[in-house]
Amino acid sequence: MTIGFYGIPNCDTVKKARKWLDAKGIAYTFHDYKKEGADPARLERWVAEAGWEKVLNRAGTTFRKLPDEDKAGLDAAKAVKIMEANPSTIKRPVVEHPGGLLVGFKDAEWEAVLA
């Protein structure tokens, strides 16, 4: 099984998740948002599956620095536009696997789904 792994290489959580996958021998393809951008169609699928509230990282520095008008009246469509324009606002990592989607890294959740 090869999974799709999305994130930013210098993110500590991404590093921890990649180390976990490597230790488990799970193959993955890595998509670097900083170099490859964020595909709006993929973001829309993630939001439809997991909810924009989970996919959009509102606690991060990038989101907090956005103008107030960008943060006001958030909904799924607006969240996708923010994430497309500012990939650092996407919760990291996101993993597409045959059974669905994982957003963020939680060892127990990943163990139950991937191992």
N, C-alpha and C. Protein backbone atom coordinates (compact mmCIF):
# COMPACT_ATOMS: atom_id res chain seq x y z
N MET A 1 0.85 -1.18 0.00
CA MET A 1 0.00 0.00 0.00
C MET A 1 0.89 1.24 0.00
N THR A 2 0.65 2.15 -0.91
CA THR A 2 1.32 3.45 -0.92
C THR A 2 0.27 4.51 -0.65
N ILE A 3 0.57 5.38 0.29
CA ILE A 3 -0.38 6.42 0.65
C ILE A 3 0.12 7.78 0.17
N GLY A 4 -0.78 8.73 0.06
CA GLY A 4 -0.42 10.10 -0.28
C GLY A 4 -0.23 10.89 1.00
N PHE A 5 0.90 11.55 1.12
CA PHE A 5 1.27 12.28 2.34
C PHE A 5 1.51 13.73 1.95
N TYR A 6 0.78 14.65 2.57
CA TYR A 6 0.81 16.06 2.20
C TYR A 6 1.27 16.91 3.39
N GLY A 7 2.22 17.81 3.13
CA GLY A 7 2.69 18.66 4.20
C GLY A 7 3.81 19.58 3.78
N ILE A 8 4.54 20.04 4.77
CA ILE A 8 5.68 20.93 4.58
C ILE A 8 6.87 20.26 5.26
N PRO A 9 7.97 20.04 4.54
CA PRO A 9 9.06 19.22 5.07
C PRO A 9 9.67 19.70 6.39
N ASN A 10 9.71 20.99 6.64
CA ASN A 10 10.37 21.46 7.87
C ASN A 10 9.42 21.53 9.07
N CYS A 11 8.17 21.12 8.90
CA CYS A 11 7.20 21.10 10.00
C CYS A 11 7.54 19.95 10.95
N ASP A 12 7.63 20.23 12.24
CA ASP A 12 7.98 19.21 13.23
C ASP A 12 6.99 18.05 13.24
N THR A 13 5.71 18.33 13.11
CA THR A 13 4.71 17.27 13.10
C THR A 13 4.86 16.40 11.86
N VAL A 14 5.13 17.00 10.72
CA VAL A 14 5.37 16.25 9.49
C VAL A 14 6.60 15.36 9.66
N LYS A 15 7.66 15.90 10.24
CA LYS A 15 8.87 15.11 10.47
C LYS A 15 8.57 13.90 11.35
N LYS A 16 7.81 14.12 12.41
CA LYS A 16 7.45 13.03 13.33
C LYS A 16 6.61 11.98 12.60
N ALA A 17 5.66 12.42 11.80
CA ALA A 17 4.79 11.50 11.07
C ALA A 17 5.58 10.70 10.02
N ARG A 18 6.49 11.35 9.34
CA ARG A 18 7.31 10.65 8.34
C ARG A 18 8.19 9.61 9.01
N LYS A 19 8.73 9.95 10.15
CA LYS A 19 9.56 9.00 10.90
C LYS A 19 8.73 7.79 11.32
N TRP A 20 7.48 8.05 11.74
CA TRP A 20 6.57 6.98 12.15
C TRP A 20 6.30 6.05 10.95
N LEU A 21 5.98 6.64 9.78
CA LEU A 21 5.71 5.84 8.58
C LEU A 21 6.93 5.01 8.18
N ASP A 22 8.10 5.63 8.22
CA ASP A 22 9.33 4.92 7.88
C ASP A 22 9.58 3.75 8.83
N ALA A 23 9.36 3.96 10.12
CA ALA A 23 9.57 2.91 11.12
C ALA A 23 8.61 1.73 10.90
N LYS A 24 7.41 2.03 10.41
CA LYS A 24 6.40 0.99 10.16
C LYS A 24 6.56 0.36 8.78
N GLY A 25 7.46 0.90 7.96
CA GLY A 25 7.66 0.38 6.62
C GLY A 25 6.52 0.67 5.67
N ILE A 26 5.81 1.77 5.91
CA ILE A 26 4.68 2.15 5.08
C ILE A 26 5.16 3.09 3.98
N ALA A 27 4.93 2.69 2.74
CA ALA A 27 5.37 3.50 1.59
C ALA A 27 4.42 4.68 1.40
N TYR A 28 4.98 5.81 1.03
CA TYR A 28 4.17 7.00 0.79
C TYR A 28 4.82 7.88 -0.26
N THR A 29 3.98 8.67 -0.91
CA THR A 29 4.49 9.71 -1.80
C THR A 29 4.26 11.03 -1.07
N PHE A 30 5.27 11.89 -1.09
CA PHE A 30 5.21 13.14 -0.34
C PHE A 30 4.93 14.30 -1.29
N HIS A 31 3.93 15.09 -0.93
CA HIS A 31 3.58 16.31 -1.68
C HIS A 31 3.93 17.50 -0.79
N ASP A 32 4.87 18.31 -1.25
CA ASP A 32 5.33 19.48 -0.52
C ASP A 32 4.52 20.71 -0.95
N TYR A 33 3.67 21.22 -0.04
CA TYR A 33 2.84 22.38 -0.36
C TYR A 33 3.66 23.58 -0.78
N LYS A 34 4.81 23.76 -0.16
CA LYS A 34 5.62 24.95 -0.45
C LYS A 34 6.12 24.94 -1.90
N LYS A 35 6.48 23.76 -2.40
CA LYS A 35 7.01 23.66 -3.76
C LYS A 35 5.93 23.37 -4.79
N GLU A 36 4.94 22.56 -4.40
CA GLU A 36 3.96 22.07 -5.38
C GLU A 36 2.58 22.72 -5.26
N GLY A 37 2.38 23.54 -4.23
CA GLY A 37 1.10 24.20 -4.05
C GLY A 37 0.01 23.26 -3.53
N ALA A 38 -1.18 23.81 -3.42
CA ALA A 38 -2.32 23.06 -2.91
C ALA A 38 -3.43 23.09 -3.96
N ASP A 39 -3.82 21.93 -4.43
CA ASP A 39 -4.83 21.80 -5.47
C ASP A 39 -6.22 22.06 -4.89
N PRO A 40 -6.95 23.04 -5.43
CA PRO A 40 -8.27 23.37 -4.86
C PRO A 40 -9.27 22.22 -4.92
N ALA A 41 -9.21 21.40 -5.96
CA ALA A 41 -10.13 20.26 -6.05
C ALA A 41 -9.86 19.26 -4.93
N ARG A 42 -8.59 19.03 -4.65
CA ARG A 42 -8.22 18.11 -3.56
C ARG A 42 -8.65 18.72 -2.22
N LEU A 43 -8.41 20.01 -2.05
CA LEU A 43 -8.83 20.67 -0.80
C LEU A 43 -10.34 20.55 -0.61
N GLU A 44 -11.09 20.72 -1.69
CA GLU A 44 -12.55 20.59 -1.60
C GLU A 44 -12.95 19.18 -1.18
N ARG A 45 -12.26 18.16 -1.70
CA ARG A 45 -12.55 16.77 -1.30
C ARG A 45 -12.25 16.57 0.18
N TRP A 46 -11.11 17.09 0.63
CA TRP A 46 -10.75 16.94 2.04
C TRP A 46 -11.78 17.61 2.94
N VAL A 47 -12.19 18.81 2.55
CA VAL A 47 -13.18 19.56 3.34
C VAL A 47 -14.51 18.81 3.36
N ALA A 48 -14.89 18.23 2.22
CA ALA A 48 -16.14 17.46 2.15
C ALA A 48 -16.06 16.23 3.06
N GLU A 49 -14.90 15.61 3.13
CA GLU A 49 -14.74 14.39 3.92
C GLU A 49 -14.53 14.67 5.41
N ALA A 50 -13.66 15.63 5.73
CA ALA A 50 -13.28 15.84 7.13
C ALA A 50 -13.87 17.11 7.74
N GLY A 51 -14.37 18.02 6.92
CA GLY A 51 -14.88 19.30 7.43
C GLY A 51 -13.80 20.36 7.40
N TRP A 52 -14.18 21.57 6.98
CA TRP A 52 -13.18 22.65 6.88
C TRP A 52 -12.60 22.99 8.24
N GLU A 53 -13.39 22.78 9.29
CA GLU A 53 -12.94 23.11 10.64
C GLU A 53 -11.74 22.26 11.05
N LYS A 54 -11.65 21.04 10.52
CA LYS A 54 -10.53 20.15 10.83
C LYS A 54 -9.34 20.38 9.89
N VAL A 55 -9.62 20.66 8.63
CA VAL A 55 -8.54 20.79 7.64
C VAL A 55 -7.84 22.15 7.73
N LEU A 56 -8.57 23.20 8.04
CA LEU A 56 -7.98 24.54 8.17
C LEU A 56 -7.36 24.70 9.54
N ASN A 57 -6.08 25.00 9.57
CA ASN A 57 -5.36 25.19 10.83
C ASN A 57 -5.49 26.64 11.28
N ARG A 58 -6.48 26.89 12.12
CA ARG A 58 -6.72 28.26 12.59
C ARG A 58 -5.83 28.64 13.76
N ALA A 59 -5.08 27.69 14.31
CA ALA A 59 -4.20 27.99 15.44
C ALA A 59 -2.81 28.44 15.01
N GLY A 60 -2.48 28.25 13.75
CA GLY A 60 -1.14 28.56 13.28
C GLY A 60 -0.89 30.04 13.05
N THR A 61 0.38 30.38 12.99
CA THR A 61 0.80 31.76 12.80
C THR A 61 0.29 32.34 11.48
N THR A 62 0.35 31.56 10.41
CA THR A 62 -0.07 32.06 9.10
C THR A 62 -1.53 32.50 9.13
N PHE A 63 -2.40 31.67 9.71
CA PHE A 63 -3.81 32.03 9.78
C PHE A 63 -4.02 33.25 10.66
N ARG A 64 -3.36 33.28 11.79
CA ARG A 64 -3.55 34.41 12.73
C ARG A 64 -3.10 35.73 12.11
N LYS A 65 -2.15 35.70 11.18
CA LYS A 65 -1.66 36.92 10.54
C LYS A 65 -2.54 37.39 9.39
N LEU A 66 -3.51 36.58 8.98
CA LEU A 66 -4.40 37.01 7.90
C LEU A 66 -5.23 38.21 8.34
N PRO A 67 -5.63 39.04 7.38
CA PRO A 67 -6.51 40.17 7.73
C PRO A 67 -7.83 39.65 8.33
N ASP A 68 -8.39 40.44 9.25
CA ASP A 68 -9.64 40.04 9.91
C ASP A 68 -10.75 39.75 8.92
N GLU A 69 -10.80 40.51 7.82
CA GLU A 69 -11.88 40.27 6.85
C GLU A 69 -11.75 38.90 6.18
N ASP A 70 -10.53 38.39 6.07
CA ASP A 70 -10.35 37.04 5.52
C ASP A 70 -10.84 35.98 6.50
N LYS A 71 -10.68 36.24 7.78
CA LYS A 71 -11.06 35.27 8.81
C LYS A 71 -12.55 35.34 9.18
N ALA A 72 -13.21 36.43 8.82
CA ALA A 72 -14.62 36.61 9.18
C ALA A 72 -15.51 35.81 8.24
N GLY A 73 -16.59 35.28 8.78
CA GLY A 73 -17.58 34.58 7.98
C GLY A 73 -17.06 33.34 7.29
N LEU A 74 -16.22 32.59 7.99
CA LEU A 74 -15.65 31.40 7.38
C LEU A 74 -16.71 30.35 7.08
N ASP A 75 -16.56 29.75 5.91
CA ASP A 75 -17.35 28.59 5.53
C ASP A 75 -16.44 27.71 4.68
N ALA A 76 -16.97 26.62 4.16
CA ALA A 76 -16.14 25.67 3.42
C ALA A 76 -15.47 26.33 2.21
N ALA A 77 -16.22 27.08 1.43
CA ALA A 77 -15.67 27.69 0.21
C ALA A 77 -14.57 28.70 0.56
N LYS A 78 -14.80 29.51 1.57
CA LYS A 78 -13.81 30.51 1.96
C LYS A 78 -12.56 29.83 2.54
N ALA A 79 -12.76 28.77 3.30
CA ALA A 79 -11.62 28.03 3.87
C ALA A 79 -10.75 27.45 2.76
N VAL A 80 -11.37 26.89 1.72
CA VAL A 80 -10.61 26.33 0.60
C VAL A 80 -9.79 27.42 -0.09
N LYS A 81 -10.38 28.59 -0.29
CA LYS A 81 -9.65 29.70 -0.93
C LYS A 81 -8.46 30.13 -0.07
N ILE A 82 -8.66 30.21 1.25
CA ILE A 82 -7.56 30.57 2.15
C ILE A 82 -6.44 29.54 2.07
N MET A 83 -6.79 28.25 2.11
CA MET A 83 -5.78 27.19 2.09
C MET A 83 -5.05 27.13 0.75
N GLU A 84 -5.77 27.39 -0.33
CA GLU A 84 -5.13 27.40 -1.65
C GLU A 84 -4.11 28.54 -1.74
N ALA A 85 -4.49 29.72 -1.25
CA ALA A 85 -3.60 30.89 -1.31
C ALA A 85 -2.49 30.82 -0.27
N ASN A 86 -2.74 30.14 0.84
CA ASN A 86 -1.78 30.06 1.96
C ASN A 86 -1.67 28.62 2.42
N PRO A 87 -0.91 27.77 1.71
CA PRO A 87 -0.85 26.35 2.07
C PRO A 87 -0.41 26.08 3.51
N SER A 88 0.27 27.03 4.13
CA SER A 88 0.68 26.83 5.53
C SER A 88 -0.52 26.81 6.47
N THR A 89 -1.70 27.19 5.99
CA THR A 89 -2.89 27.15 6.84
C THR A 89 -3.58 25.79 6.81
N ILE A 90 -3.03 24.85 6.04
CA ILE A 90 -3.59 23.50 6.01
C ILE A 90 -3.02 22.72 7.19
N LYS A 91 -3.90 22.08 7.95
CA LYS A 91 -3.45 21.24 9.07
C LYS A 91 -2.50 20.19 8.52
N ARG A 92 -1.44 19.93 9.26
CA ARG A 92 -0.42 19.01 8.77
C ARG A 92 -0.20 17.86 9.74
N PRO A 93 0.15 16.73 9.15
CA PRO A 93 0.04 16.36 7.74
C PRO A 93 -1.38 15.91 7.39
N VAL A 94 -1.61 15.76 6.11
CA VAL A 94 -2.84 15.13 5.62
C VAL A 94 -2.40 13.87 4.87
N VAL A 95 -3.06 12.76 5.17
CA VAL A 95 -2.73 11.49 4.53
C VAL A 95 -3.98 10.93 3.86
N GLU A 96 -3.85 10.66 2.57
CA GLU A 96 -4.89 9.95 1.83
C GLU A 96 -4.48 8.48 1.79
N HIS A 97 -5.35 7.62 2.30
CA HIS A 97 -5.09 6.19 2.30
C HIS A 97 -6.32 5.47 1.75
N PRO A 98 -6.19 4.19 1.41
CA PRO A 98 -7.31 3.50 0.77
C PRO A 98 -8.62 3.55 1.57
N GLY A 99 -8.56 3.68 2.88
CA GLY A 99 -9.78 3.72 3.68
C GLY A 99 -10.30 5.12 3.96
N GLY A 100 -9.61 6.16 3.50
CA GLY A 100 -10.08 7.51 3.78
C GLY A 100 -8.98 8.53 3.95
N LEU A 101 -9.12 9.33 5.01
CA LEU A 101 -8.28 10.51 5.19
C LEU A 101 -7.88 10.65 6.65
N LEU A 102 -6.62 10.97 6.88
CA LEU A 102 -6.14 11.32 8.22
C LEU A 102 -5.67 12.77 8.17
N VAL A 103 -6.09 13.57 9.15
CA VAL A 103 -5.70 14.97 9.22
C VAL A 103 -5.02 15.19 10.56
N GLY A 104 -3.75 15.62 10.51
CA GLY A 104 -2.97 15.76 11.73
C GLY A 104 -2.33 14.42 12.07
N PHE A 105 -1.44 14.43 13.05
CA PHE A 105 -0.75 13.19 13.44
C PHE A 105 -1.08 12.85 14.88
N LYS A 106 -1.77 11.73 15.03
CA LYS A 106 -2.04 11.15 16.35
C LYS A 106 -1.64 9.69 16.26
N ASP A 107 -0.61 9.32 17.01
CA ASP A 107 -0.02 7.99 16.94
C ASP A 107 -1.07 6.88 17.01
N ALA A 108 -1.96 6.93 17.99
CA ALA A 108 -2.95 5.87 18.18
C ALA A 108 -3.90 5.78 16.99
N GLU A 109 -4.33 6.92 16.47
CA GLU A 109 -5.22 6.93 15.32
C GLU A 109 -4.53 6.35 14.09
N TRP A 110 -3.29 6.75 13.86
CA TRP A 110 -2.54 6.24 12.72
C TRP A 110 -2.30 4.74 12.87
N GLU A 111 -1.98 4.30 14.08
CA GLU A 111 -1.74 2.88 14.34
C GLU A 111 -2.99 2.06 14.00
N ALA A 112 -4.15 2.54 14.41
CA ALA A 112 -5.41 1.84 14.17
C ALA A 112 -5.76 1.77 12.69
N VAL A 113 -5.42 2.81 11.96
CA VAL A 113 -5.82 2.91 10.55
C VAL A 113 -4.77 2.34 9.59
N LEU A 114 -3.50 2.59 9.86
CA LEU A 114 -2.46 2.28 8.87
C LEU A 114 -1.62 1.05 9.18
N ALA A 115 -1.45 0.73 10.44
CA ALA A 115 -0.50 -0.36 10.78
C ALA A 115 -1.16 -1.73 10.75
